[in-house]
Amino acid sequence: MSHDILSDVLRNVRLRGAIYYFVCGNGSWVAEAPAAREIAAAVMAGSEHVMEYHVLTRGTCWGAVVGETPVRVATGDIVLFPQGDAHVMSSAPGMRAPVKAADYVKDNQDQLPFTLYLDAAEKRVEIPADEVCDATLVCGFLGCDLRPFNPLIETLPRLMHLRAEEGQDWVAQFMRQAVAESRHKRPGGEAMLERMSEMMFIDAVRRYIEALPEASRGWLAGLRDRLVGRVLALMHDAPAFPWTVDELGRRVGLSRSALHERFAELIGQTPIQYLANWRIQVGAALLRNTNSTVAVVAQEVGYESEATFTKAFKRLTGNSPALWRRQAGIAESAANSRG
């Protein structure tokens, strides 16, 4: 495959990461998080969709989407909640705790990550230097855009549990660094941990792809498929090219009907539908990140006229390209002002 499709999507949907807090749990402890949409503006301003993750650096615990069966988490494991569900992390299965969205509001005078101490009796802000916890967690958030088109998020489960693996040395380094930054904050620490959390998510998605059962359906399954993956690579490599199903089929050695059936079965839409959606996503990124006119953007993503591009863009986003650009600029400015 000549094109790194996963990286292409993550760049276009603006994946952002942040380490937000470090948790020390002793005895009987529980932490419950609200749905990400309730705290998104506070923890990841400017991101349309927010996911929370937890990396267990010591001990064992349990993690679950509220109302669902919990999973047992061991040292070195990663738990992600890609759909932004309310969830619980606790010392034993079935525990619940009061949810306070205000706990997630960042004091701009404080450098991340925050530190929390949890047990049956109290929650302290600072962990004593000599404290040895039964369980320690590095916790944070990942933000991205859902619109106009994000084929990745909808294909991920509500909970992803990735067990510790040999050879994952960088994950161990990530955990050690996050713990160190929670205790001894240094200049540049937040930026470094942000990048490392993004790397963690990408690695988690790759491991999830590798573990998918053969009969899986969805964008990630299509990415892994030898023929559909090649078709996706062709479209991502040259979205402005006037692709047809016949031409795509010829490039990968499938008939028009065979390609149409195989692609739709795995991806859930036809090749041309996917191409149209991806062109709008690329166009939206150009509108956000460049000063190109709408007419130039339309041409760069394969539309013969500004009018045709505007019609397709409005059908997918509900707004004209010009209005979408203005709203994106306002949201970006607001996010930057919150620092």
C-alpha atoms as a PDB file:
ATOM      1  CA  MET A   1       0.000   0.000   0.000  1.00  0.00           C
ATOM      2  CA  SER A   2       1.612   3.244  -1.127  1.00  0.00           C
ATOM      3  CA  HIS A   3      -0.462   5.570   1.038  1.00  0.00           C
ATOM      4  CA  ASP A   4      -0.679   5.687   4.841  1.00  0.00           C
ATOM      5  CA  ILE A   5      -4.444   6.052   5.034  1.00  0.00           C
ATOM      6  CA  LEU A   6      -4.730   6.048   8.813  1.00  0.00           C
ATOM      7  CA  SER A   7      -2.218   8.901   9.110  1.00  0.00           C
ATOM      8  CA  ASP A   8      -4.039  10.760   6.343  1.00  0.00           C
ATOM      9  CA  VAL A   9      -7.337  10.576   8.221  1.00  0.00           C
ATOM     10  CA  LEU A  10      -5.800  11.526  11.571  1.00  0.00           C
ATOM     11  CA  ARG A  11      -4.153  14.599  10.041  1.00  0.00           C
ATOM     12  CA  ASN A  12      -7.371  15.729   8.390  1.00  0.00           C
ATOM     13  CA  VAL A  13      -9.558  15.263  11.464  1.00  0.00           C
ATOM     14  CA  ARG A  14      -7.015  17.105  13.693  1.00  0.00           C
ATOM     15  CA  LEU A  15      -6.229  14.484  16.323  1.00  0.00           C
ATOM     16  CA  ARG A  16      -5.094  16.188  19.547  1.00  0.00           C
ATOM     17  CA  GLY A  17      -3.999  14.611  22.801  1.00  0.00           C
ATOM     18  CA  ALA A  18      -3.588  15.750  26.393  1.00  0.00           C
ATOM     19  CA  ILE A  19      -2.536  14.178  29.668  1.00  0.00           C
ATOM     20  CA  TYR A  20      -4.995  15.592  32.133  1.00  0.00           C
ATOM     21  CA  TYR A  21      -4.603  13.895  35.480  1.00  0.00           C
ATOM     22  CA  PHE A  22      -2.649  11.308  37.430  1.00  0.00           C
ATOM     23  CA  VAL A  23      -4.650   9.140  39.846  1.00  0.00           C
ATOM     24  CA  CYS A  24      -3.474   7.351  42.983  1.00  0.00           C
ATOM     25  CA  GLY A  25      -6.001   4.834  44.328  1.00  0.00           C
ATOM     26  CA  ASN A  26      -5.761   3.097  47.691  1.00  0.00           C
ATOM     27  CA  GLY A  27      -8.009   0.499  49.251  1.00  0.00           C
ATOM     28  CA  SER A  28     -11.569   0.800  47.995  1.00  0.00           C
ATOM     29  CA  TRP A  29     -11.677   3.590  45.399  1.00  0.00           C
ATOM     30  CA  VAL A  30     -13.784   4.638  42.424  1.00  0.00           C
ATOM     31  CA  ALA A  31     -13.787   7.445  39.874  1.00  0.00           C
ATOM     32  CA  GLU A  32     -16.690   8.047  37.505  1.00  0.00           C
ATOM     33  CA  ALA A  33     -16.429  10.283  34.443  1.00  0.00           C
ATOM     34  CA  PRO A  34     -19.389  11.986  32.738  1.00  0.00           C
ATOM     35  CA  ALA A  35     -20.026  11.677  29.022  1.00  0.00           C
ATOM     36  CA  ALA A  36     -17.246  13.489  27.190  1.00  0.00           C
ATOM     37  CA  ARG A  37     -19.650  15.894  25.487  1.00  0.00           C
ATOM     38  CA  GLU A  38     -20.458  17.363  28.922  1.00  0.00           C
ATOM     39  CA  ILE A  39     -16.853  18.342  29.618  1.00  0.00           C
ATOM     40  CA  ALA A  40     -15.411  18.700  26.106  1.00  0.00           C
ATOM     41  CA  ALA A  41     -15.335  22.503  26.181  1.00  0.00           C
ATOM     42  CA  ALA A  42     -13.386  22.463  29.452  1.00  0.00           C
ATOM     43  CA  VAL A  43     -10.841  19.741  28.697  1.00  0.00           C
ATOM     44  CA  MET A  44     -10.344  20.007  24.916  1.00  0.00           C
ATOM     45  CA  ALA A  45     -11.673  23.356  23.728  1.00  0.00           C
ATOM     46  CA  GLY A  46     -12.123  23.456  19.965  1.00  0.00           C
ATOM     47  CA  SER A  47     -12.483  19.689  19.531  1.00  0.00           C
ATOM     48  CA  GLU A  48     -15.781  18.413  18.187  1.00  0.00           C
ATOM     49  CA  HIS A  49     -15.389  14.926  19.654  1.00  0.00           C
ATOM     50  CA  VAL A  50     -13.548  13.936  22.834  1.00  0.00           C
ATOM     51  CA  MET A  51     -12.377  10.498  23.984  1.00  0.00           C
ATOM     52  CA  GLU A  52     -10.940   9.621  27.388  1.00  0.00           C
ATOM     53  CA  TYR A  53      -8.186   7.094  28.051  1.00  0.00           C
ATOM     54  CA  HIS A  54      -6.521   5.532  31.089  1.00  0.00           C
ATOM     55  CA  VAL A  55      -3.139   3.804  31.330  1.00  0.00           C
ATOM     56  CA  LEU A  56      -2.625   1.693  34.458  1.00  0.00           C
ATOM     57  CA  THR A  57       0.953   2.133  35.663  1.00  0.00           C
ATOM     58  CA  ARG A  58       0.672   0.082  38.864  1.00  0.00           C
ATOM     59  CA  GLY A  59      -1.656  -2.537  40.352  1.00  0.00           C
ATOM     60  CA  THR A  60      -4.997  -3.722  38.990  1.00  0.00           C
ATOM     61  CA  CYS A  61      -8.437  -2.169  38.635  1.00  0.00           C
ATOM     62  CA  TRP A  62     -11.671  -2.393  36.659  1.00  0.00           C
ATOM     63  CA  GLY A  63     -12.994  -0.239  33.833  1.00  0.00           C
ATOM     64  CA  ALA A  64     -16.443  -0.059  32.271  1.00  0.00           C
ATOM     65  CA  VAL A  65     -18.858   2.026  30.257  1.00  0.00           C
ATOM     66  CA  VAL A  66     -21.627   2.918  32.719  1.00  0.00           C
ATOM     67  CA  GLY A  67     -24.210   0.141  32.635  1.00  0.00           C
ATOM     68  CA  GLU A  68     -21.968  -2.304  30.744  1.00  0.00           C
ATOM     69  CA  THR A  69     -19.861  -5.294  31.840  1.00  0.00           C
ATOM     70  CA  PRO A  70     -16.512  -4.192  33.345  1.00  0.00           C
ATOM     71  CA  VAL A  71     -13.096  -5.421  32.222  1.00  0.00           C
ATOM     72  CA  ARG A  72     -10.184  -6.218  34.530  1.00  0.00           C
ATOM     73  CA  VAL A  73      -7.214  -3.920  33.882  1.00  0.00           C
ATOM     74  CA  ALA A  74      -3.640  -4.963  34.721  1.00  0.00           C
ATOM     75  CA  THR A  75      -0.393  -3.018  34.977  1.00  0.00           C
ATOM     76  CA  GLY A  76       0.587  -1.643  31.559  1.00  0.00           C
ATOM     77  CA  ASP A  77      -2.911  -2.007  30.094  1.00  0.00           C
ATOM     78  CA  ILE A  78      -4.637   0.822  28.234  1.00  0.00           C
ATOM     79  CA  VAL A  79      -8.390   1.455  28.307  1.00  0.00           C
ATOM     80  CA  LEU A  80      -9.945   3.900  25.837  1.00  0.00           C
ATOM     81  CA  PHE A  81     -13.533   5.074  25.436  1.00  0.00           C
ATOM     82  CA  PRO A  82     -13.644   6.105  21.741  1.00  0.00           C
ATOM     83  CA  GLN A  83     -17.332   7.082  21.687  1.00  0.00           C
ATOM     84  CA  GLY A  84     -16.988   9.400  24.680  1.00  0.00           C
ATOM     85  CA  ASP A  85     -19.278   7.378  26.961  1.00  0.00           C
ATOM     86  CA  ALA A  86     -19.680   8.009  30.678  1.00  0.00           C
ATOM     87  CA  HIS A  87     -17.521   5.424  32.412  1.00  0.00           C
ATOM     88  CA  VAL A  88     -16.129   4.134  35.686  1.00  0.00           C
ATOM     89  CA  MET A  89     -12.644   3.140  36.849  1.00  0.00           C
ATOM     90  CA  SER A  90     -12.588   1.395  40.236  1.00  0.00           C
ATOM     91  CA  SER A  91     -10.850  -1.023  42.587  1.00  0.00           C
ATOM     92  CA  ALA A  92     -13.663  -3.577  42.196  1.00  0.00           C
ATOM     93  CA  PRO A  93     -16.363  -4.227  39.589  1.00  0.00           C
ATOM     94  CA  GLY A  94     -19.807  -2.685  39.954  1.00  0.00           C
ATOM     95  CA  MET A  95     -18.796   0.414  41.923  1.00  0.00           C
ATOM     96  CA  ARG A  96     -20.260   3.877  41.228  1.00  0.00           C
ATOM     97  CA  ALA A  97     -19.409   7.410  42.336  1.00  0.00           C
ATOM     98  CA  PRO A  98     -20.964  10.884  42.177  1.00  0.00           C
ATOM     99  CA  VAL A  99     -20.070  12.701  38.960  1.00  0.00           C
ATOM    100  CA  LYS A 100     -18.897  16.325  39.156  1.00  0.00           C
ATOM    101  CA  ALA A 101     -18.239  17.884  35.769  1.00  0.00           C
ATOM    102  CA  ALA A 102     -16.699  20.866  37.599  1.00  0.00           C
ATOM    103  CA  ASP A 103     -13.781  18.639  38.629  1.00  0.00           C
ATOM    104  CA  TYR A 104     -12.635  18.674  35.007  1.00  0.00           C
ATOM    105  CA  VAL A 105     -12.432  22.434  34.604  1.00  0.00           C
ATOM    106  CA  LYS A 106      -8.799  23.430  34.235  1.00  0.00           C
ATOM    107  CA  ASP A 107      -7.417  26.275  36.296  1.00  0.00           C
ATOM    108  CA  ASN A 108      -5.322  28.126  33.735  1.00  0.00           C
ATOM    109  CA  GLN A 109      -2.778  28.916  36.443  1.00  0.00           C
ATOM    110  CA  ASP A 110      -1.975  25.224  36.880  1.00  0.00           C
ATOM    111  CA  GLN A 111       0.183  23.147  34.603  1.00  0.00           C
ATOM    112  CA  LEU A 112      -1.133  19.749  33.595  1.00  0.00           C
ATOM    113  CA  PRO A 113      -1.385  17.012  34.663  1.00  0.00           C
ATOM    114  CA  PHE A 114      -3.466  17.379  37.813  1.00  0.00           C
ATOM    115  CA  THR A 115      -2.953  14.879  40.612  1.00  0.00           C
ATOM    116  CA  LEU A 116      -5.807  13.080  42.408  1.00  0.00           C
ATOM    117  CA  TYR A 117      -5.726  10.788  45.412  1.00  0.00           C
ATOM    118  CA  LEU A 118      -8.678   8.427  45.819  1.00  0.00           C
ATOM    119  CA  ASP A 119      -9.717   6.084  48.612  1.00  0.00           C
ATOM    120  CA  ALA A 120     -12.874   5.179  50.502  1.00  0.00           C
ATOM    121  CA  ALA A 121     -12.627   8.157  52.831  1.00  0.00           C
ATOM    122  CA  GLU A 122     -11.280  11.130  50.941  1.00  0.00           C
ATOM    123  CA  LYS A 123      -9.931  12.765  47.816  1.00  0.00           C
ATOM    124  CA  ARG A 124      -6.741  14.753  48.259  1.00  0.00           C
ATOM    125  CA  VAL A 125      -5.218  17.076  45.688  1.00  0.00           C
ATOM    126  CA  GLU A 126      -1.586  16.237  46.401  1.00  0.00           C
ATOM    127  CA  ILE A 127       0.050  12.835  46.843  1.00  0.00           C
ATOM    128  CA  PRO A 128       2.704  12.713  49.570  1.00  0.00           C
ATOM    129  CA  ALA A 129       6.170  12.083  48.134  1.00  0.00           C
ATOM    130  CA  ASP A 130       6.514   8.787  50.016  1.00  0.00           C
ATOM    131  CA  GLU A 131       3.039   7.490  49.101  1.00  0.00           C
ATOM    132  CA  VAL A 132       2.898   4.028  47.506  1.00  0.00           C
ATOM    133  CA  CYS A 133      -0.485   3.528  45.869  1.00  0.00           C
ATOM    134  CA  ASP A 134      -2.353   0.277  45.332  1.00  0.00           C
ATOM    135  CA  ALA A 135      -3.186   1.458  41.815  1.00  0.00           C
ATOM    136  CA  THR A 136      -1.933   4.381  39.755  1.00  0.00           C
ATOM    137  CA  LEU A 137      -3.464   5.643  36.526  1.00  0.00           C
ATOM    138  CA  VAL A 138      -2.332   8.127  33.894  1.00  0.00           C
ATOM    139  CA  CYS A 139      -5.505   9.620  32.428  1.00  0.00           C
ATOM    140  CA  GLY A 140      -6.181  12.007  29.600  1.00  0.00           C
ATOM    141  CA  PHE A 141      -8.225  13.021  26.611  1.00  0.00           C
ATOM    142  CA  LEU A 142      -8.009  12.845  22.834  1.00  0.00           C
ATOM    143  CA  GLY A 143      -9.926  15.248  20.640  1.00  0.00           C
ATOM    144  CA  CYS A 144     -10.769  15.236  16.939  1.00  0.00           C
ATOM    145  CA  ASP A 145     -13.293  16.450  14.381  1.00  0.00           C
ATOM    146  CA  LEU A 146     -16.286  14.341  13.401  1.00  0.00           C
ATOM    147  CA  ARG A 147     -17.423  16.524  10.519  1.00  0.00           C
ATOM    148  CA  PRO A 148     -17.522  16.687   7.644  1.00  0.00           C
ATOM    149  CA  PHE A 149     -16.326  13.052   7.470  1.00  0.00           C
ATOM    150  CA  ASN A 150     -14.417  10.938   9.977  1.00  0.00           C
ATOM    151  CA  PRO A 151     -14.505   7.276   8.934  1.00  0.00           C
ATOM    152  CA  LEU A 152     -12.379   6.136  11.890  1.00  0.00           C
ATOM    153  CA  ILE A 153     -14.351   7.013  15.017  1.00  0.00           C
ATOM    154  CA  GLU A 154     -17.634   5.386  14.053  1.00  0.00           C
ATOM    155  CA  THR A 155     -15.883   2.067  13.440  1.00  0.00           C
ATOM    156  CA  LEU A 156     -14.292   1.933  16.905  1.00  0.00           C
ATOM    157  CA  PRO A 157     -16.033   0.197  19.835  1.00  0.00           C
ATOM    158  CA  ARG A 158     -17.344   1.912  22.962  1.00  0.00           C
ATOM    159  CA  LEU A 159     -14.484   0.463  25.006  1.00  0.00           C
ATOM    160  CA  MET A 160     -11.039  -0.571  23.778  1.00  0.00           C
ATOM    161  CA  HIS A 161      -8.946  -2.648  26.203  1.00  0.00           C
ATOM    162  CA  LEU A 162      -5.360  -3.122  25.079  1.00  0.00           C
ATOM    163  CA  ARG A 163      -3.321  -5.436  27.259  1.00  0.00           C
ATOM    164  CA  ALA A 164       0.327  -4.817  28.029  1.00  0.00           C
ATOM    165  CA  GLU A 165       2.638  -6.407  25.467  1.00  0.00           C
ATOM    166  CA  GLU A 166       6.306  -7.237  25.421  1.00  0.00           C
ATOM    167  CA  GLY A 167       8.286  -4.873  23.236  1.00  0.00           C
ATOM    168  CA  GLN A 168       6.050  -1.880  24.014  1.00  0.00           C
ATOM    169  CA  ASP A 169       8.998  -0.012  25.539  1.00  0.00           C
ATOM    170  CA  TRP A 170       7.789   3.407  24.436  1.00  0.00           C
ATOM    171  CA  VAL A 171       4.490   2.874  26.287  1.00  0.00           C
ATOM    172  CA  ALA A 172       6.445   2.170  29.476  1.00  0.00           C
ATOM    173  CA  GLN A 173       8.451   5.338  28.871  1.00  0.00           C
ATOM    174  CA  PHE A 174       5.230   7.271  28.290  1.00  0.00           C
ATOM    175  CA  MET A 175       3.880   6.084  31.621  1.00  0.00           C
ATOM    176  CA  ARG A 176       7.081   6.877  33.510  1.00  0.00           C
ATOM    177  CA  GLN A 177       7.251  10.336  31.956  1.00  0.00           C
ATOM    178  CA  ALA A 178       3.620  11.103  32.782  1.00  0.00           C
ATOM    179  CA  VAL A 179       4.156  10.107  36.411  1.00  0.00           C
ATOM    180  CA  ALA A 180       7.310  12.223  36.588  1.00  0.00           C
ATOM    181  CA  GLU A 181       5.550  15.256  35.092  1.00  0.00           C
ATOM    182  CA  SER A 182       2.711  14.937  37.590  1.00  0.00           C
ATOM    183  CA  ARG A 183       5.202  15.313  40.442  1.00  0.00           C
ATOM    184  CA  HIS A 184       7.907  17.580  39.010  1.00  0.00           C
ATOM    185  CA  LYS A 185       6.451  19.828  36.310  1.00  0.00           C
ATOM    186  CA  ARG A 186       9.001  21.190  33.835  1.00  0.00           C
ATOM    187  CA  PRO A 187       8.798  23.558  30.854  1.00  0.00           C
ATOM    188  CA  GLY A 188       7.578  21.780  27.715  1.00  0.00           C
ATOM    189  CA  GLY A 189       6.166  18.857  29.666  1.00  0.00           C
ATOM    190  CA  GLU A 190       2.574  19.357  28.564  1.00  0.00           C
ATOM    191  CA  ALA A 191       3.502  19.534  24.868  1.00  0.00           C
ATOM    192  CA  MET A 192       5.639  16.402  25.117  1.00  0.00           C
ATOM    193  CA  LEU A 193       2.907  14.435  26.867  1.00  0.00           C
ATOM    194  CA  GLU A 194       0.340  15.617  24.310  1.00  0.00           C
ATOM    195  CA  ARG A 195       2.407  14.160  21.474  1.00  0.00           C
ATOM    196  CA  MET A 196       3.013  10.938  23.391  1.00  0.00           C
ATOM    197  CA  SER A 197      -0.699  10.509  24.071  1.00  0.00           C
ATOM    198  CA  GLU A 198      -1.413  10.892  20.356  1.00  0.00           C
ATOM    199  CA  MET A 199       1.203   8.212  19.643  1.00  0.00           C
ATOM    200  CA  MET A 200      -0.467   5.968  22.211  1.00  0.00           C
ATOM    201  CA  PHE A 201      -3.835   6.327  20.460  1.00  0.00           C
ATOM    202  CA  ILE A 202      -2.391   5.597  17.026  1.00  0.00           C
ATOM    203  CA  ASP A 203      -0.613   2.531  18.366  1.00  0.00           C
ATOM    204  CA  ALA A 204      -3.828   1.395  20.054  1.00  0.00           C
ATOM    205  CA  VAL A 205      -5.767   1.688  16.780  1.00  0.00           C
ATOM    206  CA  ARG A 206      -3.080  -0.269  14.917  1.00  0.00           C
ATOM    207  CA  ARG A 207      -3.170  -3.030  17.511  1.00  0.00           C
ATOM    208  CA  TYR A 208      -6.962  -3.066  17.326  1.00  0.00           C
ATOM    209  CA  ILE A 209      -6.819  -3.469  13.530  1.00  0.00           C
ATOM    210  CA  GLU A 210      -4.392  -6.381  13.848  1.00  0.00           C
ATOM    211  CA  ALA A 211      -6.702  -8.139  16.329  1.00  0.00           C
ATOM    212  CA  LEU A 212      -9.919  -7.745  14.298  1.00  0.00           C
ATOM    213  CA  PRO A 213     -11.635 -11.079  13.520  1.00  0.00           C
ATOM    214  CA  GLU A 214     -11.616 -12.097   9.872  1.00  0.00           C
ATOM    215  CA  ALA A 215     -15.359 -11.567   9.471  1.00  0.00           C
ATOM    216  CA  SER A 216     -15.237  -7.955  10.744  1.00  0.00           C
ATOM    217  CA  ARG A 217     -16.922  -5.130   8.873  1.00  0.00           C
ATOM    218  CA  GLY A 218     -16.251  -1.392   8.908  1.00  0.00           C
ATOM    219  CA  TRP A 219     -13.625   1.089   7.771  1.00  0.00           C
ATOM    220  CA  LEU A 220     -10.799  -0.505   9.735  1.00  0.00           C
ATOM    221  CA  ALA A 221     -11.630  -3.930   8.322  1.00  0.00           C
ATOM    222  CA  GLY A 222     -11.598  -2.379   4.848  1.00  0.00           C
ATOM    223  CA  LEU A 223      -8.235  -0.816   5.587  1.00  0.00           C
ATOM    224  CA  ARG A 224      -6.842  -4.258   6.338  1.00  0.00           C
ATOM    225  CA  ASP A 225      -8.427  -5.943   3.307  1.00  0.00           C
ATOM    226  CA  ARG A 226      -5.910  -6.505   0.509  1.00  0.00           C
ATOM    227  CA  LEU A 227      -8.104  -5.178  -2.311  1.00  0.00           C
ATOM    228  CA  VAL A 228     -10.358  -2.660  -0.566  1.00  0.00           C
ATOM    229  CA  GLY A 229      -7.296  -1.288   1.209  1.00  0.00           C
ATOM    230  CA  ARG A 230      -5.644  -0.669  -2.164  1.00  0.00           C
ATOM    231  CA  VAL A 231      -8.749   1.112  -3.442  1.00  0.00           C
ATOM    232  CA  LEU A 232      -8.794   3.342  -0.352  1.00  0.00           C
ATOM    233  CA  ALA A 233      -5.111   4.101  -0.884  1.00  0.00           C
ATOM    234  CA  LEU A 234      -5.739   5.128  -4.487  1.00  0.00           C
ATOM    235  CA  MET A 235      -8.501   7.533  -3.506  1.00  0.00           C
ATOM    236  CA  HIS A 236      -6.550   9.010  -0.606  1.00  0.00           C
ATOM    237  CA  ASP A 237      -3.417   9.358  -2.712  1.00  0.00           C
ATOM    238  CA  ALA A 238      -5.242  11.345  -5.420  1.00  0.00           C
ATOM    239  CA  PRO A 239      -8.704  12.486  -4.228  1.00  0.00           C
ATOM    240  CA  ALA A 240      -9.021  14.996  -7.094  1.00  0.00           C
ATOM    241  CA  PHE A 241      -8.543  12.338  -9.786  1.00  0.00           C
ATOM    242  CA  PRO A 242     -11.775  11.593 -11.724  1.00  0.00           C
ATOM    243  CA  TRP A 243     -12.123   8.090 -10.310  1.00  0.00           C
ATOM    244  CA  THR A 244     -14.811   5.707 -11.511  1.00  0.00           C
ATOM    245  CA  VAL A 245     -15.603   2.269 -10.147  1.00  0.00           C
ATOM    246  CA  ASP A 246     -14.415   0.834 -13.469  1.00  0.00           C
ATOM    247  CA  GLU A 247     -11.029   2.561 -13.176  1.00  0.00           C
ATOM    248  CA  LEU A 248     -10.585   1.613  -9.528  1.00  0.00           C
ATOM    249  CA  GLY A 249     -11.490  -1.973 -10.327  1.00  0.00           C
ATOM    250  CA  ARG A 250      -9.027  -2.055 -13.206  1.00  0.00           C
ATOM    251  CA  ARG A 251      -6.240  -0.784 -10.935  1.00  0.00           C
ATOM    252  CA  VAL A 252      -6.768  -3.544  -8.365  1.00  0.00           C
ATOM    253  CA  GLY A 253      -7.839  -6.356 -10.675  1.00  0.00           C
ATOM    254  CA  LEU A 254     -11.557  -6.573  -9.866  1.00  0.00           C
ATOM    255  CA  SER A 255     -14.636  -6.209 -12.032  1.00  0.00           C
ATOM    256  CA  ARG A 256     -16.903  -3.218 -11.448  1.00  0.00           C
ATOM    257  CA  SER A 257     -19.591  -5.334  -9.788  1.00  0.00           C
ATOM    258  CA  ALA A 258     -17.136  -7.307  -7.624  1.00  0.00           C
ATOM    259  CA  LEU A 259     -15.449  -4.148  -6.371  1.00  0.00           C
ATOM    260  CA  HIS A 260     -18.765  -2.397  -5.713  1.00  0.00           C
ATOM    261  CA  GLU A 261     -20.046  -5.372  -3.697  1.00  0.00           C
ATOM    262  CA  ARG A 262     -16.839  -5.972  -1.750  1.00  0.00           C
ATOM    263  CA  PHE A 263     -16.297  -2.299  -0.900  1.00  0.00           C
ATOM    264  CA  ALA A 264     -19.910  -1.690   0.160  1.00  0.00           C
ATOM    265  CA  GLU A 265     -19.951  -4.855   2.269  1.00  0.00           C
ATOM    266  CA  LEU A 266     -16.852  -3.826   4.222  1.00  0.00           C
ATOM    267  CA  ILE A 267     -17.079  -0.031   4.322  1.00  0.00           C
ATOM    268  CA  GLY A 268     -20.859   0.409   4.359  1.00  0.00           C
ATOM    269  CA  GLN A 269     -20.984   2.737   1.347  1.00  0.00           C
ATOM    270  CA  THR A 270     -20.007   2.585  -2.311  1.00  0.00           C
ATOM    271  CA  PRO A 271     -16.542   3.634  -3.494  1.00  0.00           C
ATOM    272  CA  ILE A 272     -17.936   6.778  -5.132  1.00  0.00           C
ATOM    273  CA  GLN A 273     -19.900   7.737  -2.011  1.00  0.00           C
ATOM    274  CA  TYR A 274     -16.752   7.338   0.056  1.00  0.00           C
ATOM    275  CA  LEU A 275     -14.723   9.382  -2.417  1.00  0.00           C
ATOM    276  CA  ALA A 276     -17.298  12.191  -2.352  1.00  0.00           C
ATOM    277  CA  ASN A 277     -17.254  12.292   1.458  1.00  0.00           C
ATOM    278  CA  TRP A 278     -13.465  12.223   1.621  1.00  0.00           C
ATOM    279  CA  ARG A 279     -13.150  15.043  -0.908  1.00  0.00           C
ATOM    280  CA  ILE A 280     -15.354  17.217   1.295  1.00  0.00           C
ATOM    281  CA  GLN A 281     -13.237  16.361   4.352  1.00  0.00           C
ATOM    282  CA  VAL A 282     -10.040  17.324   2.501  1.00  0.00           C
ATOM    283  CA  GLY A 283     -11.744  20.478   1.276  1.00  0.00           C
ATOM    284  CA  ALA A 284     -12.784  21.382   4.821  1.00  0.00           C
ATOM    285  CA  ALA A 285      -9.171  21.011   5.992  1.00  0.00           C
ATOM    286  CA  LEU A 286      -8.010  23.310   3.190  1.00  0.00           C
ATOM    287  CA  LEU A 287     -10.664  25.880   4.102  1.00  0.00           C
ATOM    288  CA  ARG A 288      -9.542  25.788   7.726  1.00  0.00           C
ATOM    289  CA  ASN A 289      -5.794  25.767   7.156  1.00  0.00           C
ATOM    290  CA  THR A 290      -5.235  27.887   4.053  1.00  0.00           C
ATOM    291  CA  ASN A 291      -6.336  31.191   2.581  1.00  0.00           C
ATOM    292  CA  SER A 292      -7.316  29.596  -0.733  1.00  0.00           C
ATOM    293  CA  THR A 293     -10.596  30.748  -2.225  1.00  0.00           C
ATOM    294  CA  VAL A 294     -13.534  28.366  -2.292  1.00  0.00           C
ATOM    295  CA  ALA A 295     -13.109  28.068  -6.056  1.00  0.00           C
ATOM    296  CA  VAL A 296      -9.470  27.009  -5.688  1.00  0.00           C
ATOM    297  CA  VAL A 297     -10.323  24.501  -2.935  1.00  0.00           C
ATOM    298  CA  ALA A 298     -13.074  23.052  -5.110  1.00  0.00           C
ATOM    299  CA  GLN A 299     -10.606  22.496  -7.917  1.00  0.00           C
ATOM    300  CA  GLU A 300      -7.999  20.970  -5.621  1.00  0.00           C
ATOM    301  CA  VAL A 301     -10.397  18.283  -4.422  1.00  0.00           C
ATOM    302  CA  GLY A 302     -11.760  17.348  -7.816  1.00  0.00           C
ATOM    303  CA  TYR A 303     -14.820  19.530  -8.434  1.00  0.00           C
ATOM    304  CA  GLU A 304     -15.234  21.217 -11.806  1.00  0.00           C
ATOM    305  CA  SER A 305     -16.984  24.268 -10.371  1.00  0.00           C
ATOM    306  CA  GLU A 306     -17.360  26.174  -7.139  1.00  0.00           C
ATOM    307  CA  ALA A 307     -21.139  25.765  -7.360  1.00  0.00           C
ATOM    308  CA  THR A 308     -20.923  21.963  -7.519  1.00  0.00           C
ATOM    309  CA  PHE A 309     -18.501  21.860  -4.590  1.00  0.00           C
ATOM    310  CA  THR A 310     -20.667  24.222  -2.541  1.00  0.00           C
ATOM    311  CA  LYS A 311     -23.738  22.080  -3.132  1.00  0.00           C
ATOM    312  CA  ALA A 312     -21.925  18.882  -2.104  1.00  0.00           C
ATOM    313  CA  PHE A 313     -20.327  20.581   0.907  1.00  0.00           C
ATOM    314  CA  LYS A 314     -23.648  21.924   2.159  1.00  0.00           C
ATOM    315  CA  ARG A 315     -25.310  18.534   1.706  1.00  0.00           C
ATOM    316  CA  LEU A 316     -22.735  16.905   4.015  1.00  0.00           C
ATOM    317  CA  THR A 317     -22.197  19.684   6.581  1.00  0.00           C
ATOM    318  CA  GLY A 318     -25.394  21.731   6.480  1.00  0.00           C
ATOM    319  CA  ASN A 319     -23.391  24.911   5.792  1.00  0.00           C
ATOM    320  CA  SER A 320     -21.827  26.593   2.803  1.00  0.00           C
ATOM    321  CA  PRO A 321     -18.006  26.452   2.602  1.00  0.00           C
ATOM    322  CA  ALA A 322     -17.754  30.180   3.375  1.00  0.00           C
ATOM    323  CA  LEU A 323     -19.956  29.939   6.487  1.00  0.00           C
ATOM    324  CA  TRP A 324     -18.211  26.763   7.646  1.00  0.00           C
ATOM    325  CA  ARG A 325     -14.834  28.517   7.314  1.00  0.00           C
ATOM    326  CA  ARG A 326     -16.028  31.478   9.395  1.00  0.00           C
ATOM    327  CA  GLN A 327     -17.442  29.233  12.115  1.00  0.00           C
ATOM    328  CA  ALA A 328     -14.271  27.126  12.190  1.00  0.00           C
ATOM    329  CA  GLY A 329     -12.200  30.289  12.569  1.00  0.00           C
ATOM    330  CA  ILE A 330     -14.354  31.499  15.462  1.00  0.00           C
ATOM    331  CA  ALA A 331     -14.082  28.108  17.218  1.00  0.00           C
ATOM    332  CA  GLU A 332     -10.309  28.058  16.713  1.00  0.00           C
ATOM    333  CA  SER A 333      -9.936  31.547  18.149  1.00  0.00           C
ATOM    334  CA  ALA A 334     -12.036  30.629  21.167  1.00  0.00           C
ATOM    335  CA  ALA A 335      -9.948  27.514  21.787  1.00  0.00           C
ATOM    336  CA  ASN A 336      -6.701  29.461  21.523  1.00  0.00           C
ATOM    337  CA  SER A 337      -7.947  32.123  23.911  1.00  0.00           C
ATOM    338  CA  ARG A 338      -8.578  29.466  26.530  1.00  0.00           C
ATOM    339  CA  GLY A 339      -4.950  28.412  26.194  1.00  0.00           C
END
